[in-house]
Amino acid sequence: MPAGFGKLTGPFSLIVGMLAALLTIRKYELQIEFKHIDETGLQWVSVAKANNAKAKSLFDEQARCLAQNLS
């Protein structure tokens, strides 16, 4: 490999990674809290992700339903 190969591929990889992250980001996320039985403790687990407001209202409805069923 040429000596300056990393000077080209490093910035290129960084830019491609940032663009991929921006294109796949999700605005709304439905998470559940999971309590492990060992010393790990509490952990938030993502169960669904979306970008549109319709999905957010569905996530809110599901959260209310779960909270109602668990209490």
N, C-alpha and C. Protein backbone atom coordinates (compact mmCIF):
# COMPACT_ATOMS: atom_id res chain seq x y z
N MET A 1 0.83 -1.18 0.00
CA MET A 1 0.00 0.00 0.00
C MET A 1 0.88 1.25 0.00
N PRO A 2 0.41 2.30 -0.66
CA PRO A 2 1.16 3.55 -0.63
C PRO A 2 1.19 4.16 0.76
N ALA A 3 2.20 4.94 1.03
CA ALA A 3 2.38 5.53 2.36
C ALA A 3 1.25 6.50 2.71
N GLY A 4 0.69 7.22 1.75
CA GLY A 4 -0.36 8.20 2.02
C GLY A 4 -1.77 7.65 1.91
N PHE A 5 -1.90 6.33 1.83
CA PHE A 5 -3.22 5.71 1.64
C PHE A 5 -4.17 6.03 2.78
N GLY A 6 -3.68 6.03 4.01
CA GLY A 6 -4.51 6.32 5.18
C GLY A 6 -5.00 7.76 5.22
N LYS A 7 -4.24 8.67 4.63
CA LYS A 7 -4.66 10.07 4.60
C LYS A 7 -5.88 10.28 3.72
N LEU A 8 -6.10 9.37 2.77
CA LEU A 8 -7.27 9.45 1.90
C LEU A 8 -8.43 8.63 2.46
N THR A 9 -8.14 7.42 2.90
CA THR A 9 -9.23 6.54 3.35
C THR A 9 -9.80 6.93 4.71
N GLY A 10 -8.98 7.52 5.59
CA GLY A 10 -9.47 7.93 6.90
C GLY A 10 -10.59 8.95 6.81
N PRO A 11 -10.36 10.12 6.18
CA PRO A 11 -11.43 11.11 6.05
C PRO A 11 -12.62 10.60 5.24
N PHE A 12 -12.35 9.82 4.21
CA PHE A 12 -13.44 9.26 3.40
C PHE A 12 -14.33 8.36 4.25
N SER A 13 -13.73 7.50 5.05
CA SER A 13 -14.50 6.60 5.92
C SER A 13 -15.30 7.39 6.95
N LEU A 14 -14.71 8.43 7.49
CA LEU A 14 -15.39 9.26 8.47
C LEU A 14 -16.61 9.94 7.86
N ILE A 15 -16.47 10.49 6.67
CA ILE A 15 -17.58 11.17 6.00
C ILE A 15 -18.68 10.18 5.64
N VAL A 16 -18.31 9.02 5.12
CA VAL A 16 -19.32 8.01 4.77
C VAL A 16 -20.05 7.54 6.02
N GLY A 17 -19.35 7.35 7.12
CA GLY A 17 -19.98 6.94 8.37
C GLY A 17 -20.94 7.98 8.91
N MET A 18 -20.54 9.25 8.84
CA MET A 18 -21.42 10.33 9.31
C MET A 18 -22.68 10.43 8.44
N LEU A 19 -22.53 10.30 7.13
CA LEU A 19 -23.70 10.34 6.25
C LEU A 19 -24.63 9.17 6.51
N ALA A 20 -24.07 7.99 6.70
CA ALA A 20 -24.89 6.81 7.00
C ALA A 20 -25.65 7.00 8.30
N ALA A 21 -25.01 7.57 9.31
CA ALA A 21 -25.67 7.82 10.60
C ALA A 21 -26.81 8.82 10.44
N LEU A 22 -26.58 9.87 9.68
CA LEU A 22 -27.63 10.88 9.49
C LEU A 22 -28.82 10.33 8.70
N LEU A 23 -28.57 9.42 7.78
CA LEU A 23 -29.65 8.87 6.97
C LEU A 23 -30.46 7.81 7.70
N THR A 24 -29.89 7.20 8.72
CA THR A 24 -30.59 6.12 9.41
C THR A 24 -31.09 6.51 10.81
N ILE A 25 -30.93 7.76 11.19
CA ILE A 25 -31.36 8.20 12.52
C ILE A 25 -32.89 8.17 12.61
N ARG A 26 -33.38 7.84 13.78
CA ARG A 26 -34.82 7.78 14.02
C ARG A 26 -35.18 8.80 15.09
N LYS A 27 -36.28 9.52 14.87
CA LYS A 27 -36.68 10.59 15.78
C LYS A 27 -37.43 10.06 17.01
N TYR A 28 -38.25 9.05 16.81
CA TYR A 28 -39.06 8.50 17.90
C TYR A 28 -38.64 7.06 18.18
N GLU A 29 -38.67 6.71 19.47
CA GLU A 29 -38.23 5.38 19.86
C GLU A 29 -39.08 4.88 21.02
N LEU A 30 -39.55 3.66 20.93
CA LEU A 30 -40.29 3.02 22.03
C LEU A 30 -39.32 2.10 22.75
N GLN A 31 -39.13 2.37 24.04
CA GLN A 31 -38.20 1.59 24.84
C GLN A 31 -38.92 0.97 26.03
N ILE A 32 -38.41 -0.16 26.47
CA ILE A 32 -38.91 -0.79 27.69
C ILE A 32 -37.76 -0.88 28.69
N GLU A 33 -38.10 -0.87 29.95
CA GLU A 33 -37.09 -1.01 31.00
C GLU A 33 -37.05 -2.47 31.41
N PHE A 34 -35.88 -3.05 31.35
CA PHE A 34 -35.71 -4.47 31.65
C PHE A 34 -34.80 -4.61 32.86
N LYS A 35 -35.26 -5.34 33.86
CA LYS A 35 -34.46 -5.55 35.07
C LYS A 35 -33.85 -6.95 35.02
N HIS A 36 -32.53 -6.99 34.98
CA HIS A 36 -31.82 -8.26 34.96
C HIS A 36 -31.83 -8.89 36.36
N ILE A 37 -31.69 -10.20 36.40
CA ILE A 37 -31.70 -10.88 37.70
C ILE A 37 -30.31 -10.91 38.33
N ASP A 38 -29.28 -10.56 37.57
CA ASP A 38 -27.93 -10.52 38.14
C ASP A 38 -27.56 -9.08 38.50
N GLU A 39 -26.31 -8.81 38.69
CA GLU A 39 -25.87 -7.48 39.12
C GLU A 39 -25.89 -6.44 38.02
N THR A 40 -26.32 -6.81 36.82
CA THR A 40 -26.39 -5.84 35.72
C THR A 40 -27.37 -4.72 36.03
N GLY A 41 -28.49 -5.05 36.66
CA GLY A 41 -29.47 -4.02 37.05
C GLY A 41 -30.43 -3.68 35.93
N LEU A 42 -30.85 -2.41 35.89
CA LEU A 42 -31.83 -1.95 34.91
C LEU A 42 -31.17 -1.62 33.59
N GLN A 43 -31.89 -1.90 32.51
CA GLN A 43 -31.40 -1.58 31.17
C GLN A 43 -32.58 -1.18 30.31
N TRP A 44 -32.41 -0.13 29.50
CA TRP A 44 -33.45 0.28 28.56
C TRP A 44 -33.22 -0.42 27.24
N VAL A 45 -34.27 -1.07 26.71
CA VAL A 45 -34.19 -1.83 25.47
C VAL A 45 -35.11 -1.19 24.44
N SER A 46 -34.59 -0.88 23.27
CA SER A 46 -35.40 -0.31 22.19
C SER A 46 -36.20 -1.42 21.52
N VAL A 47 -37.51 -1.23 21.39
CA VAL A 47 -38.35 -2.24 20.74
C VAL A 47 -38.87 -1.76 19.39
N ALA A 48 -38.88 -0.44 19.16
CA ALA A 48 -39.33 0.10 17.87
C ALA A 48 -38.78 1.51 17.68
N LYS A 49 -38.52 1.85 16.41
CA LYS A 49 -38.03 3.19 16.07
C LYS A 49 -38.76 3.67 14.83
N ALA A 50 -39.00 5.00 14.76
CA ALA A 50 -39.70 5.56 13.60
C ALA A 50 -39.38 7.05 13.47
N ASN A 51 -39.77 7.62 12.34
CA ASN A 51 -39.53 9.04 12.07
C ASN A 51 -40.80 9.87 12.05
N ASN A 52 -41.94 9.28 11.78
CA ASN A 52 -43.14 10.09 11.57
C ASN A 52 -43.99 10.24 12.83
N ALA A 53 -44.81 11.28 12.83
CA ALA A 53 -45.64 11.61 13.99
C ALA A 53 -46.72 10.55 14.22
N LYS A 54 -47.18 9.88 13.17
CA LYS A 54 -48.19 8.84 13.32
C LYS A 54 -47.65 7.70 14.18
N ALA A 55 -46.42 7.35 13.96
CA ALA A 55 -45.80 6.29 14.76
C ALA A 55 -45.63 6.75 16.20
N LYS A 56 -45.33 8.03 16.41
CA LYS A 56 -45.19 8.53 17.78
C LYS A 56 -46.50 8.39 18.55
N SER A 57 -47.62 8.72 17.90
CA SER A 57 -48.90 8.56 18.58
C SER A 57 -49.18 7.09 18.88
N LEU A 58 -48.77 6.20 17.99
CA LEU A 58 -48.93 4.76 18.23
C LEU A 58 -48.04 4.32 19.39
N PHE A 59 -46.81 4.83 19.44
CA PHE A 59 -45.91 4.50 20.55
C PHE A 59 -46.50 5.00 21.88
N ASP A 60 -47.06 6.21 21.89
CA ASP A 60 -47.67 6.75 23.10
C ASP A 60 -48.84 5.87 23.55
N GLU A 61 -49.63 5.43 22.60
CA GLU A 61 -50.78 4.57 22.91
C GLU A 61 -50.30 3.23 23.49
N GLN A 62 -49.27 2.67 22.90
CA GLN A 62 -48.74 1.39 23.40
C GLN A 62 -48.15 1.56 24.80
N ALA A 63 -47.48 2.67 25.05
CA ALA A 63 -46.91 2.94 26.38
C ALA A 63 -48.01 3.05 27.42
N ARG A 64 -49.10 3.76 27.08
CA ARG A 64 -50.23 3.88 28.01
C ARG A 64 -50.86 2.51 28.27
N CYS A 65 -51.01 1.72 27.24
CA CYS A 65 -51.61 0.39 27.38
C CYS A 65 -50.74 -0.50 28.26
N LEU A 66 -49.43 -0.47 28.03
CA LEU A 66 -48.52 -1.28 28.86
C LEU A 66 -48.53 -0.82 30.32
N ALA A 67 -48.51 0.48 30.52
CA ALA A 67 -48.52 1.01 31.89
C ALA A 67 -49.80 0.63 32.61
N GLN A 68 -50.90 0.65 31.87
CA GLN A 68 -52.20 0.30 32.46
C GLN A 68 -52.25 -1.19 32.81
N ASN A 69 -51.70 -2.03 31.96
CA ASN A 69 -51.72 -3.47 32.20
C ASN A 69 -50.76 -3.89 33.31
N LEU A 70 -49.68 -3.13 33.50
CA LEU A 70 -48.70 -3.50 34.50
C LEU A 70 -49.04 -2.98 35.90
N SER A 71 -49.93 -2.00 35.98
CA SER A 71 -50.25 -1.47 37.31
C SER A 71 -51.55 -2.02 37.86
